[in-house]
Amino acid sequence: MSENIRVQNIQITPNYTLQQFKQDFTYSAQGIAASGEAQVLLLQPNEIKAFLKEPQDFAPPYTAYINFGFKNGQLSSFAIQQAVAC
């Protein structure tokens, strides 16, 4: 990963760890899979209240998200996924 990647002013580097993820993305870390996969939804500020009321309406792939993969506590994969329109 040679790009400069920032999410909410958080720098994502090849040395990014699962522990950092849990600190930086507390809400998303609650849903991390046993496989080490986690998703962070990319919401506009005006969408946050609606998401908190009805999170099922913002499920991937219908909402853009970042997919993090961790192996042995280290970042092993990172992908930005675009939303699918219906």
PDB file of N, CA and C in Angstrom:
ATOM      1  N   MET A   1       0.860  -1.170   0.000  1.00  0.00           N
ATOM      2  CA  MET A   1       0.000   0.000   0.000  1.00  0.00           C
ATOM      3  C   MET A   1       0.901   1.226   0.000  1.00  0.00           C
ATOM      4  N   SER A   2       0.941   1.938  -1.115  1.00  0.00           N
ATOM      5  CA  SER A   2       1.807   3.104  -1.207  1.00  0.00           C
ATOM      6  C   SER A   2       1.016   4.415  -1.193  1.00  0.00           C
ATOM      7  N   GLU A   3      -0.308   4.328  -1.259  1.00  0.00           N
ATOM      8  CA  GLU A   3      -1.119   5.530  -1.249  1.00  0.00           C
ATOM      9  C   GLU A   3      -1.226   6.098   0.163  1.00  0.00           C
ATOM     10  N   ASN A   4      -1.568   7.373   0.233  1.00  0.00           N
ATOM     11  CA  ASN A   4      -1.838   8.013   1.511  1.00  0.00           C
ATOM     12  C   ASN A   4      -3.338   7.889   1.754  1.00  0.00           C
ATOM     13  N   ILE A   5      -3.739   6.990   2.620  1.00  0.00           N
ATOM     14  CA  ILE A   5      -5.159   6.728   2.854  1.00  0.00           C
ATOM     15  C   ILE A   5      -5.561   7.265   4.219  1.00  0.00           C
ATOM     16  N   ARG A   6      -6.608   8.081   4.214  1.00  0.00           N
ATOM     17  CA  ARG A   6      -7.149   8.651   5.452  1.00  0.00           C
ATOM     18  C   ARG A   6      -8.643   8.407   5.496  1.00  0.00           C
ATOM     19  N   VAL A   7      -9.104   7.999   6.667  1.00  0.00           N
ATOM     20  CA  VAL A   7     -10.528   7.808   6.927  1.00  0.00           C
ATOM     21  C   VAL A   7     -10.824   8.582   8.198  1.00  0.00           C
ATOM     22  N   GLN A   8     -11.679   9.585   8.121  1.00  0.00           N
ATOM     23  CA  GLN A   8     -11.987  10.441   9.271  1.00  0.00           C
ATOM     24  C   GLN A   8     -10.703  10.981   9.906  1.00  0.00           C
ATOM     25  N   ASN A   9      -9.766  11.414   9.088  1.00  0.00           N
ATOM     26  CA  ASN A   9      -8.466  11.928   9.535  1.00  0.00           C
ATOM     27  C   ASN A   9      -7.610  10.880  10.229  1.00  0.00           C
ATOM     28  N   ILE A  10      -7.930   9.609  10.051  1.00  0.00           N
ATOM     29  CA  ILE A  10      -7.134   8.517  10.603  1.00  0.00           C
ATOM     30  C   ILE A  10      -6.304   7.942   9.462  1.00  0.00           C
ATOM     31  N   GLN A  11      -4.999   7.925   9.635  1.00  0.00           N
ATOM     32  CA  GLN A  11      -4.110   7.393   8.598  1.00  0.00           C
ATOM     33  C   GLN A  11      -4.114   5.868   8.662  1.00  0.00           C
ATOM     34  N   ILE A  12      -4.383   5.242   7.510  1.00  0.00           N
ATOM     35  CA  ILE A  12      -4.342   3.788   7.394  1.00  0.00           C
ATOM     36  C   ILE A  12      -3.039   3.432   6.689  1.00  0.00           C
ATOM     37  N   THR A  13      -2.155   2.745   7.386  1.00  0.00           N
ATOM     38  CA  THR A  13      -0.857   2.372   6.845  1.00  0.00           C
ATOM     39  C   THR A  13      -0.735   0.852   6.802  1.00  0.00           C
ATOM     40  N   PRO A  14       0.277   0.329   6.143  1.00  0.00           N
ATOM     41  CA  PRO A  14       0.475  -1.123   6.143  1.00  0.00           C
ATOM     42  C   PRO A  14       0.702  -1.688   7.551  1.00  0.00           C
ATOM     43  N   ASN A  15       1.099  -0.835   8.486  1.00  0.00           N
ATOM     44  CA  ASN A  15       1.349  -1.270   9.864  1.00  0.00           C
ATOM     45  C   ASN A  15       0.127  -1.121  10.769  1.00  0.00           C
ATOM     46  N   TYR A  16      -1.015  -0.804  10.198  1.00  0.00           N
ATOM     47  CA  TYR A  16      -2.244  -0.609  10.975  1.00  0.00           C
ATOM     48  C   TYR A  16      -2.623  -1.922  11.656  1.00  0.00           C
ATOM     49  N   THR A  17      -3.018  -1.855  12.927  1.00  0.00           N
ATOM     50  CA  THR A  17      -3.312  -3.071  13.682  1.00  0.00           C
ATOM     51  C   THR A  17      -4.791  -3.171  14.050  1.00  0.00           C
ATOM     52  N   LEU A  18      -5.178  -4.372  14.444  1.00  0.00           N
ATOM     53  CA  LEU A  18      -6.546  -4.603  14.899  1.00  0.00           C
ATOM     54  C   LEU A  18      -6.840  -3.766  16.133  1.00  0.00           C
ATOM     55  N   GLN A  19      -5.875  -3.635  17.015  1.00  0.00           N
ATOM     56  CA  GLN A  19      -6.063  -2.825  18.221  1.00  0.00           C
ATOM     57  C   GLN A  19      -6.335  -1.363  17.855  1.00  0.00           C
ATOM     58  N   GLN A  20      -5.597  -0.831  16.882  1.00  0.00           N
ATOM     59  CA  GLN A  20      -5.849   0.546  16.427  1.00  0.00           C
ATOM     60  C   GLN A  20      -7.256   0.654  15.846  1.00  0.00           C
ATOM     61  N   PHE A  21      -7.649  -0.344  15.051  1.00  0.00           N
ATOM     62  CA  PHE A  21      -8.980  -0.338  14.454  1.00  0.00           C
ATOM     63  C   PHE A  21     -10.049  -0.275  15.539  1.00  0.00           C
ATOM     64  N   LYS A  22      -9.893  -1.073  16.579  1.00  0.00           N
ATOM     65  CA  LYS A  22     -10.871  -1.094  17.671  1.00  0.00           C
ATOM     66  C   LYS A  22     -10.962   0.260  18.370  1.00  0.00           C
ATOM     67  N   GLN A  23      -9.850   0.971  18.452  1.00  0.00           N
ATOM     68  CA  GLN A  23      -9.848   2.301  19.063  1.00  0.00           C
ATOM     69  C   GLN A  23     -10.421   3.352  18.113  1.00  0.00           C
ATOM     70  N   ASP A  24     -10.069   3.256  16.842  1.00  0.00           N
ATOM     71  CA  ASP A  24     -10.460   4.270  15.864  1.00  0.00           C
ATOM     72  C   ASP A  24     -11.907   4.131  15.400  1.00  0.00           C
ATOM     73  N   PHE A  25     -12.387   2.905  15.279  1.00  0.00           N
ATOM     74  CA  PHE A  25     -13.723   2.639  14.747  1.00  0.00           C
ATOM     75  C   PHE A  25     -14.501   1.767  15.733  1.00  0.00           C
ATOM     76  N   THR A  26     -14.770   2.320  16.894  1.00  0.00           N
ATOM     77  CA  THR A  26     -15.397   1.582  17.991  1.00  0.00           C
ATOM     78  C   THR A  26     -16.692   0.907  17.566  1.00  0.00           C
ATOM     79  N   TYR A  27     -17.559   1.628  16.891  1.00  0.00           N
ATOM     80  CA  TYR A  27     -18.860   1.069  16.491  1.00  0.00           C
ATOM     81  C   TYR A  27     -18.681  -0.087  15.505  1.00  0.00           C
ATOM     82  N   SER A  28     -17.855   0.097  14.506  1.00  0.00           N
ATOM     83  CA  SER A  28     -17.626  -0.940  13.495  1.00  0.00           C
ATOM     84  C   SER A  28     -16.901  -2.144  14.084  1.00  0.00           C
ATOM     85  N   ALA A  29     -16.056  -1.918  15.069  1.00  0.00           N
ATOM     86  CA  ALA A  29     -15.299  -3.013  15.680  1.00  0.00           C
ATOM     87  C   ALA A  29     -16.216  -3.991  16.408  1.00  0.00           C
ATOM     88  N   GLN A  30     -17.392  -3.537  16.812  1.00  0.00           N
ATOM     89  CA  GLN A  30     -18.343  -4.427  17.488  1.00  0.00           C
ATOM     90  C   GLN A  30     -18.822  -5.533  16.564  1.00  0.00           C
ATOM     91  N   GLY A  31     -18.789  -5.304  15.267  1.00  0.00           N
ATOM     92  CA  GLY A  31     -19.275  -6.286  14.310  1.00  0.00           C
ATOM     93  C   GLY A  31     -18.175  -7.051  13.596  1.00  0.00           C
ATOM     94  N   ILE A  32     -16.962  -7.034  14.121  1.00  0.00           N
ATOM     95  CA  ILE A  32     -15.869  -7.722  13.442  1.00  0.00           C
ATOM     96  C   ILE A  32     -16.098  -9.236  13.462  1.00  0.00           C
ATOM     97  N   ALA A  33     -15.878  -9.849  12.330  1.00  0.00           N
ATOM     98  CA  ALA A  33     -16.096 -11.291  12.185  1.00  0.00           C
ATOM     99  C   ALA A  33     -14.921 -12.074  12.776  1.00  0.00           C
ATOM    100  N   ALA A  34     -15.175 -13.331  13.106  1.00  0.00           N
ATOM    101  CA  ALA A  34     -14.122 -14.194  13.639  1.00  0.00           C
ATOM    102  C   ALA A  34     -12.970 -14.344  12.645  1.00  0.00           C
ATOM    103  N   SER A  35     -13.284 -14.180  11.359  1.00  0.00           N
ATOM    104  CA  SER A  35     -12.260 -14.286  10.314  1.00  0.00           C
ATOM    105  C   SER A  35     -11.340 -13.067  10.263  1.00  0.00           C
ATOM    106  N   GLY A  36     -11.679 -12.015  11.026  1.00  0.00           N
ATOM    107  CA  GLY A  36     -10.873 -10.801  11.013  1.00  0.00           C
ATOM    108  C   GLY A  36     -11.351  -9.762  10.029  1.00  0.00           C
ATOM    109  N   GLU A  37     -12.514 -10.012   9.401  1.00  0.00           N
ATOM    110  CA  GLU A  37     -13.083  -9.056   8.445  1.00  0.00           C
ATOM    111  C   GLU A  37     -13.961  -8.048   9.183  1.00  0.00           C
ATOM    112  N   ALA A  38     -13.827  -6.789   8.811  1.00  0.00           N
ATOM    113  CA  ALA A  38     -14.642  -5.728   9.394  1.00  0.00           C
ATOM    114  C   ALA A  38     -14.976  -4.704   8.326  1.00  0.00           C
ATOM    115  N   GLN A  39     -16.127  -4.080   8.481  1.00  0.00           N
ATOM    116  CA  GLN A  39     -16.563  -3.077   7.517  1.00  0.00           C
ATOM    117  C   GLN A  39     -16.867  -1.768   8.224  1.00  0.00           C
ATOM    118  N   VAL A  40     -16.471  -0.678   7.570  1.00  0.00           N
ATOM    119  CA  VAL A  40     -16.783   0.669   8.033  1.00  0.00           C
ATOM    120  C   VAL A  40     -17.618   1.312   6.939  1.00  0.00           C
ATOM    121  N   LEU A  41     -18.865   1.637   7.265  1.00  0.00           N
ATOM    122  CA  LEU A  41     -19.740   2.278   6.286  1.00  0.00           C
ATOM    123  C   LEU A  41     -19.286   3.709   6.034  1.00  0.00           C
ATOM    124  N   LEU A  42     -19.439   4.155   4.806  1.00  0.00           N
ATOM    125  CA  LEU A  42     -19.109   5.525   4.435  1.00  0.00           C
ATOM    126  C   LEU A  42     -20.413   6.309   4.323  1.00  0.00           C
ATOM    127  N   LEU A  43     -20.749   7.016   5.386  1.00  0.00           N
ATOM    128  CA  LEU A  43     -22.006   7.760   5.455  1.00  0.00           C
ATOM    129  C   LEU A  43     -21.761   9.257   5.390  1.00  0.00           C
ATOM    130  N   GLN A  44     -22.717   9.960   4.823  1.00  0.00           N
ATOM    131  CA  GLN A  44     -22.703  11.412   4.830  1.00  0.00           C
ATOM    132  C   GLN A  44     -23.189  11.865   6.216  1.00  0.00           C
ATOM    133  N   PRO A  45     -22.761  13.021   6.678  1.00  0.00           N
ATOM    134  CA  PRO A  45     -23.208  13.490   7.998  1.00  0.00           C
ATOM    135  C   PRO A  45     -24.733  13.496   8.160  1.00  0.00           C
ATOM    136  N   ASN A  46     -25.458  13.817   7.097  1.00  0.00           N
ATOM    137  CA  ASN A  46     -26.919  13.872   7.195  1.00  0.00           C
ATOM    138  C   ASN A  46     -27.559  12.478   7.213  1.00  0.00           C
ATOM    139  N   GLU A  47     -26.779  11.410   7.028  1.00  0.00           N
ATOM    140  CA  GLU A  47     -27.302  10.043   7.042  1.00  0.00           C
ATOM    141  C   GLU A  47     -27.150   9.349   8.398  1.00  0.00           C
ATOM    142  N   ILE A  48     -26.383   9.924   9.285  1.00  0.00           N
ATOM    143  CA  ILE A  48     -26.042   9.248  10.534  1.00  0.00           C
ATOM    144  C   ILE A  48     -27.265   9.002  11.408  1.00  0.00           C
ATOM    145  N   LYS A  49     -28.139   9.995  11.581  1.00  0.00           N
ATOM    146  CA  LYS A  49     -29.331   9.799  12.412  1.00  0.00           C
ATOM    147  C   LYS A  49     -30.217   8.700  11.845  1.00  0.00           C
ATOM    148  N   ALA A  50     -30.396   8.700  10.539  1.00  0.00           N
ATOM    149  CA  ALA A  50     -31.215   7.663   9.901  1.00  0.00           C
ATOM    150  C   ALA A  50     -30.579   6.288  10.097  1.00  0.00           C
ATOM    151  N   PHE A  51     -29.258   6.210   9.999  1.00  0.00           N
ATOM    152  CA  PHE A  51     -28.570   4.938  10.210  1.00  0.00           C
ATOM    153  C   PHE A  51     -28.786   4.424  11.628  1.00  0.00           C
ATOM    154  N   LEU A  52     -28.683   5.308  12.613  1.00  0.00           N
ATOM    155  CA  LEU A  52     -28.853   4.890  14.000  1.00  0.00           C
ATOM    156  C   LEU A  52     -30.272   4.395  14.281  1.00  0.00           C
ATOM    157  N   LYS A  53     -31.254   4.958  13.579  1.00  0.00           N
ATOM    158  CA  LYS A  53     -32.649   4.514  13.744  1.00  0.00           C
ATOM    159  C   LYS A  53     -32.902   3.190  13.033  1.00  0.00           C
ATOM    160  N   GLU A  54     -32.389   3.046  11.816  1.00  0.00           N
ATOM    161  CA  GLU A  54     -32.659   1.861  11.008  1.00  0.00           C
ATOM    162  C   GLU A  54     -31.392   1.399  10.280  1.00  0.00           C
ATOM    163  N   PRO A  55     -30.464   0.779  11.019  1.00  0.00           N
ATOM    164  CA  PRO A  55     -29.192   0.382  10.412  1.00  0.00           C
ATOM    165  C   PRO A  55     -29.346  -0.619   9.260  1.00  0.00           C
ATOM    166  N   GLN A  56     -30.407  -1.403   9.261  1.00  0.00           N
ATOM    167  CA  GLN A  56     -30.611  -2.376   8.179  1.00  0.00           C
ATOM    168  C   GLN A  56     -30.795  -1.693   6.825  1.00  0.00           C
ATOM    169  N   ASP A  57     -31.183  -0.447   6.809  1.00  0.00           N
ATOM    170  CA  ASP A  57     -31.352   0.285   5.553  1.00  0.00           C
ATOM    171  C   ASP A  57     -30.016   0.718   4.933  1.00  0.00           C
ATOM    172  N   PHE A  58     -28.938   0.512   5.653  1.00  0.00           N
ATOM    173  CA  PHE A  58     -27.620   0.963   5.186  1.00  0.00           C
ATOM    174  C   PHE A  58     -26.641  -0.204   5.042  1.00  0.00           C
ATOM    175  N   ALA A  59     -27.137  -1.381   4.803  1.00  0.00           N
ATOM    176  CA  ALA A  59     -26.283  -2.565   4.707  1.00  0.00           C
ATOM    177  C   ALA A  59     -25.514  -2.588   3.389  1.00  0.00           C
ATOM    178  N   PRO A  60     -24.272  -3.071   3.442  1.00  0.00           N
ATOM    179  CA  PRO A  60     -23.547  -3.304   2.189  1.00  0.00           C
ATOM    180  C   PRO A  60     -24.298  -4.359   1.381  1.00  0.00           C
ATOM    181  N   PRO A  61     -24.294  -4.335   0.108  1.00  0.00           N
ATOM    182  CA  PRO A  61     -23.526  -3.476  -0.787  1.00  0.00           C
ATOM    183  C   PRO A  61     -24.266  -2.205  -1.202  1.00  0.00           C
ATOM    184  N   TYR A  62     -25.396  -1.901  -0.558  1.00  0.00           N
ATOM    185  CA  TYR A  62     -26.199  -0.747  -0.964  1.00  0.00           C
ATOM    186  C   TYR A  62     -25.668   0.566  -0.406  1.00  0.00           C
ATOM    187  N   THR A  63     -24.718   0.500   0.489  1.00  0.00           N
ATOM    188  CA  THR A  63     -24.039   1.663   1.037  1.00  0.00           C
ATOM    189  C   THR A  63     -22.541   1.452   0.822  1.00  0.00           C
ATOM    190  N   ALA A  64     -21.844   2.491   0.433  1.00  0.00           N
ATOM    191  CA  ALA A  64     -20.395   2.376   0.251  1.00  0.00           C
ATOM    192  C   ALA A  64     -19.735   2.059   1.596  1.00  0.00           C
ATOM    193  N   TYR A  65     -18.671   1.264   1.539  1.00  0.00           N
ATOM    194  CA  TYR A  65     -17.990   0.898   2.770  1.00  0.00           C
ATOM    195  C   TYR A  65     -16.520   0.580   2.503  1.00  0.00           C
ATOM    196  N   ILE A  66     -15.780   0.525   3.588  1.00  0.00           N
ATOM    197  CA  ILE A  66     -14.384   0.113   3.534  1.00  0.00           C
ATOM    198  C   ILE A  66     -14.306  -1.249   4.208  1.00  0.00           C
ATOM    199  N   ASN A  67     -13.685  -2.185   3.536  1.00  0.00           N
ATOM    200  CA  ASN A  67     -13.528  -3.528   4.082  1.00  0.00           C
ATOM    201  C   ASN A  67     -12.090  -3.683   4.595  1.00  0.00           C
ATOM    202  N   PHE A  68     -11.964  -3.982   5.872  1.00  0.00           N
ATOM    203  CA  PHE A  68     -10.674  -4.231   6.498  1.00  0.00           C
ATOM    204  C   PHE A  68     -10.534  -5.728   6.742  1.00  0.00           C
ATOM    205  N   GLY A  69      -9.371  -6.266   6.496  1.00  0.00           N
ATOM    206  CA  GLY A  69      -9.080  -7.654   6.833  1.00  0.00           C
ATOM    207  C   GLY A  69      -7.857  -7.703   7.731  1.00  0.00           C
ATOM    208  N   PHE A  70      -7.969  -8.419   8.847  1.00  0.00           N
ATOM    209  CA  PHE A  70      -6.859  -8.527   9.786  1.00  0.00           C
ATOM    210  C   PHE A  70      -6.469  -9.993   9.953  1.00  0.00           C
ATOM    211  N   LYS A  71      -5.182 -10.233  10.028  1.00  0.00           N
ATOM    212  CA  LYS A  71      -4.656 -11.573  10.261  1.00  0.00           C
ATOM    213  C   LYS A  71      -3.553 -11.449  11.300  1.00  0.00           C
ATOM    214  N   ASN A  72      -3.669 -12.208  12.360  1.00  0.00           N
ATOM    215  CA  ASN A  72      -2.704 -12.146  13.472  1.00  0.00           C
ATOM    216  C   ASN A  72      -2.565 -10.721  14.010  1.00  0.00           C
ATOM    217  N   GLY A  73      -3.683  -9.992  14.037  1.00  0.00           N
ATOM    218  CA  GLY A  73      -3.691  -8.643  14.597  1.00  0.00           C
ATOM    219  C   GLY A  73      -3.162  -7.551  13.684  1.00  0.00           C
ATOM    220  N   GLN A  74      -2.743  -7.899  12.468  1.00  0.00           N
ATOM    221  CA  GLN A  74      -2.190  -6.925  11.526  1.00  0.00           C
ATOM    222  C   GLN A  74      -3.106  -6.773  10.316  1.00  0.00           C
ATOM    223  N   LEU A  75      -3.119  -5.607   9.731  1.00  0.00           N
ATOM    224  CA  LEU A  75      -3.901  -5.370   8.524  1.00  0.00           C
ATOM    225  C   LEU A  75      -3.357  -6.235   7.394  1.00  0.00           C
ATOM    226  N   SER A  76      -4.230  -7.076   6.822  1.00  0.00           N
ATOM    227  CA  SER A  76      -3.788  -7.944   5.725  1.00  0.00           C
ATOM    228  C   SER A  76      -4.468  -7.593   4.409  1.00  0.00           C
ATOM    229  N   SER A  77      -5.640  -6.934   4.490  1.00  0.00           N
ATOM    230  CA  SER A  77      -6.318  -6.500   3.272  1.00  0.00           C
ATOM    231  C   SER A  77      -7.142  -5.252   3.566  1.00  0.00           C
ATOM    232  N   PHE A  78      -7.339  -4.473   2.520  1.00  0.00           N
ATOM    233  CA  PHE A  78      -8.060  -3.205   2.629  1.00  0.00           C
ATOM    234  C   PHE A  78      -8.693  -2.923   1.273  1.00  0.00           C
ATOM    235  N   ALA A  79      -9.994  -2.668   1.257  1.00  0.00           N
ATOM    236  CA  ALA A  79     -10.670  -2.392  -0.012  1.00  0.00           C
ATOM    237  C   ALA A  79     -11.776  -1.368   0.204  1.00  0.00           C
ATOM    238  N   ILE A  80     -11.896  -0.461  -0.746  1.00  0.00           N
ATOM    239  CA  ILE A  80     -12.984   0.509  -0.728  1.00  0.00           C
ATOM    240  C   ILE A  80     -14.041   0.007  -1.703  1.00  0.00           C
ATOM    241  N   GLN A  81     -15.245  -0.186  -1.205  1.00  0.00           N
ATOM    242  CA  GLN A  81     -16.337  -0.742  -2.002  1.00  0.00           C
ATOM    243  C   GLN A  81     -17.377   0.346  -2.300  1.00  0.00           C
ATOM    244  N   GLN A  82     -17.723   0.493  -3.556  1.00  0.00           N
ATOM    245  CA  GLN A  82     -18.741   1.461  -3.949  1.00  0.00           C
ATOM    246  C   GLN A  82     -20.120   0.891  -3.685  1.00  0.00           C
ATOM    247  N   ALA A  83     -21.081   1.767  -3.535  1.00  0.00           N
ATOM    248  CA  ALA A  83     -22.454   1.344  -3.311  1.00  0.00           C
ATOM    249  C   ALA A  83     -23.095   0.862  -4.608  1.00  0.00           C
ATOM    250  N   VAL A  84     -24.026  -0.070  -4.474  1.00  0.00           N
ATOM    251  CA  VAL A  84     -24.793  -0.578  -5.604  1.00  0.00           C
ATOM    252  C   VAL A  84     -26.143   0.133  -5.592  1.00  0.00           C
ATOM    253  N   ALA A  85     -26.512   0.729  -6.682  1.00  0.00           N
ATOM    254  CA  ALA A  85     -27.785   1.442  -6.769  1.00  0.00           C
ATOM    255  C   ALA A  85     -28.883   0.502  -7.291  1.00  0.00           C
ATOM    256  N   CYS A  86     -30.055   0.663  -6.754  1.00  0.00           N
ATOM    257  CA  CYS A  86     -31.206  -0.136  -7.216  1.00  0.00           C
ATOM    258  C   CYS A  86     -32.273   0.777  -7.781  1.00  0.00           C
TER     259      CYS A  86
END
